[in-house]
């Protein structure tokens, strides 16, 4: 499995710890940065992460910014991306099982690092249920 990961200046610590967790599970990590705490524009790092998922270069993605909102909004501009802004493992579980979320957006300023790692584990371990949910997610792309 390959996971693309990107963040702004609010997320390098989380990104590094999440990357270590993923690598310990045998997951290949594609790091799109940033690796700095200096102020940056989140779209510069989220676009390449989302594009990797959209274009099937990565199986899934993880994005991190202060609130998670800007990163999530940016990622969801891509047709094949279903990014979910999550703040606990229960929301992550539903985003995976019901929405087949393929990107997890983490609000670094609102969840602790242990919570974020728990969310990543849930993101990796929770399968999509399919069934009635497939019909719903097929209606997400804007065809109007």
Protein backbone atom coordinates (compact mmCIF):
# COMPACT_ATOMS: atom_id res chain seq x y z
CA UNK A 1 0.00 0.00 0.00
CA UNK A 2 1.15 3.54 -0.77
CA UNK A 3 -0.04 6.55 1.18
CA UNK A 4 0.60 10.14 0.15
CA UNK A 5 0.98 12.62 2.98
CA UNK A 6 1.14 16.40 3.02
CA UNK A 7 0.75 19.22 5.50
CA UNK A 8 1.23 22.89 6.15
CA UNK A 9 3.32 24.42 8.95
CA UNK A 10 0.85 23.18 11.61
CA UNK A 11 1.55 19.56 10.78
CA UNK A 12 5.22 18.52 10.37
CA UNK A 13 5.43 16.86 13.78
CA UNK A 14 2.20 14.94 13.12
CA UNK A 15 3.30 14.09 9.58
CA UNK A 16 6.61 12.68 10.78
CA UNK A 17 5.04 10.55 13.53
CA UNK A 18 2.29 9.32 11.19
CA UNK A 19 4.90 8.49 8.54
CA UNK A 20 6.87 6.47 11.13
CA UNK A 21 3.71 4.60 12.11
CA UNK A 22 2.88 3.84 8.48
CA UNK A 23 6.41 2.65 7.69
CA UNK A 24 6.34 0.38 10.77
CA UNK A 25 3.28 -1.28 9.18
CA UNK A 26 5.07 -1.78 5.86
CA UNK A 27 3.26 1.07 4.13
CA UNK A 28 5.17 3.07 1.51
CA UNK A 29 4.91 6.79 2.29
CA UNK A 30 5.09 9.51 -0.34
CA UNK A 31 5.97 12.73 1.51
CA UNK A 32 4.81 15.91 -0.21
CA UNK A 33 5.93 18.14 2.69
CA UNK A 34 6.20 20.55 4.25
CA UNK A 35 8.93 19.59 6.64
CA UNK A 36 9.16 23.08 8.12
CA UNK A 37 7.31 24.99 10.83
CA UNK A 38 7.70 28.23 8.82
CA UNK A 39 4.45 29.62 7.49
CA UNK A 40 3.47 28.16 4.11
CA UNK A 41 0.35 28.03 1.94
CA UNK A 42 -1.40 24.69 2.52
CA UNK A 43 -2.59 24.27 -1.12
CA UNK A 44 1.05 24.00 -2.24
CA UNK A 45 1.35 20.73 -0.29
CA UNK A 46 -2.22 19.45 -0.38
CA UNK A 47 -2.66 19.64 -4.17
CA UNK A 48 0.18 17.19 -4.92
CA UNK A 49 -1.04 14.86 -2.17
CA UNK A 50 -4.61 14.86 -3.49
CA UNK A 51 -3.42 14.56 -7.09
CA UNK A 52 -1.44 11.43 -6.16
CA UNK A 53 -4.64 9.83 -4.80
CA UNK A 54 -6.76 11.13 -7.68
CA UNK A 55 -4.32 9.73 -10.26
CA UNK A 56 -3.91 6.38 -8.41
CA UNK A 57 -0.23 6.99 -7.66
CA UNK A 58 -1.13 6.50 -4.00
CA UNK A 59 -3.86 4.26 -2.60
CA UNK A 60 -4.85 6.74 0.08
CA UNK A 61 -3.79 10.09 1.48
CA UNK A 62 -3.40 11.89 4.77
CA UNK A 63 -3.43 15.67 4.94
CA UNK A 64 -2.84 17.89 7.93
CA UNK A 65 -3.37 21.58 8.65
CA UNK A 66 -4.36 23.62 11.68
CA UNK A 67 -8.13 23.22 11.39
CA UNK A 68 -8.15 20.54 8.70
CA UNK A 69 -10.69 22.61 6.76
CA UNK A 70 -8.49 24.31 4.17
CA UNK A 71 -6.66 21.09 3.44
CA UNK A 72 -9.94 19.19 3.14
CA UNK A 73 -11.51 21.78 0.83
CA UNK A 74 -8.44 21.72 -1.41
CA UNK A 75 -8.32 17.92 -1.62
CA UNK A 76 -12.00 17.62 -2.48
CA UNK A 77 -11.50 19.61 -5.69
CA UNK A 78 -10.30 16.37 -7.31
CA UNK A 79 -12.87 14.10 -8.96
CA UNK A 80 -11.57 10.81 -7.53
CA UNK A 81 -10.97 12.14 -4.02
CA UNK A 82 -13.27 11.71 -1.06
CA UNK A 83 -11.48 13.56 1.71
CA UNK A 84 -12.98 13.49 5.19
CA UNK A 85 -12.21 16.01 7.93
CA UNK A 86 -12.16 13.93 11.12
CA UNK A 87 -11.52 14.68 14.78
CA UNK A 88 -11.95 11.26 16.40
CA UNK A 89 -11.73 7.59 15.45
CA UNK A 90 -15.52 7.16 15.34
CA UNK A 91 -15.85 9.79 12.59
CA UNK A 92 -12.93 8.16 10.75
CA UNK A 93 -14.64 4.77 10.95
CA UNK A 94 -17.86 6.15 9.46
CA UNK A 95 -15.98 8.10 6.79
CA UNK A 96 -14.29 4.88 5.67
CA UNK A 97 -17.18 2.42 6.08
CA UNK A 98 -19.98 4.62 4.71
CA UNK A 99 -18.21 7.16 2.47
CA UNK A 100 -15.17 5.19 1.27
CA UNK A 101 -13.00 8.17 2.22
CA UNK A 102 -9.63 7.87 0.53
CA UNK A 103 -8.04 10.90 2.22
CA UNK A 104 -8.04 11.63 5.93
CA UNK A 105 -7.84 15.31 6.86
CA UNK A 106 -6.50 15.88 10.37
CA UNK A 107 -6.94 19.17 12.30
CA UNK A 108 -3.58 19.31 14.10
CA UNK A 109 -4.60 22.14 16.42
CA UNK A 110 -7.67 20.27 17.65
CA UNK A 111 -6.53 16.66 18.15
CA UNK A 112 -3.58 15.38 20.13
CA UNK A 113 -0.83 13.41 18.46
CA UNK A 114 -1.95 10.14 20.15
CA UNK A 115 -5.51 10.80 18.89
CA UNK A 116 -4.19 11.44 15.37
CA UNK A 117 -2.25 8.17 15.39
CA UNK A 118 -5.34 6.31 16.59
CA UNK A 119 -7.32 7.95 13.76
CA UNK A 120 -4.73 6.83 11.21
CA UNK A 121 -4.94 3.24 12.48
CA UNK A 122 -8.73 3.36 12.14
CA UNK A 123 -8.39 4.85 8.63
CA UNK A 124 -6.14 1.95 7.59
CA UNK A 125 -8.14 -0.82 9.26
CA UNK A 126 -11.73 0.12 8.41
CA UNK A 127 -13.08 -1.30 5.15
CA UNK A 128 -15.74 0.28 2.96
CA UNK A 129 -19.08 -1.50 3.54
CA UNK A 130 -20.31 -1.09 -0.03
CA UNK A 131 -23.96 -2.00 -0.49
CA UNK A 132 -26.33 0.93 -0.18
CA UNK A 133 -23.35 3.25 0.39
CA UNK A 134 -21.95 2.61 -3.10
CA UNK A 135 -25.01 4.18 -4.73
CA UNK A 136 -24.59 7.25 -2.54
CA UNK A 137 -20.90 7.82 -3.15
CA UNK A 138 -21.46 7.38 -6.89
CA UNK A 139 -23.68 10.46 -6.71
CA UNK A 140 -20.94 12.64 -5.19
CA UNK A 141 -19.10 13.78 -8.36
CA UNK A 142 -20.80 16.84 -9.81
CA UNK A 143 -22.20 15.92 -13.21
CA UNK A 144 -24.23 19.11 -13.71
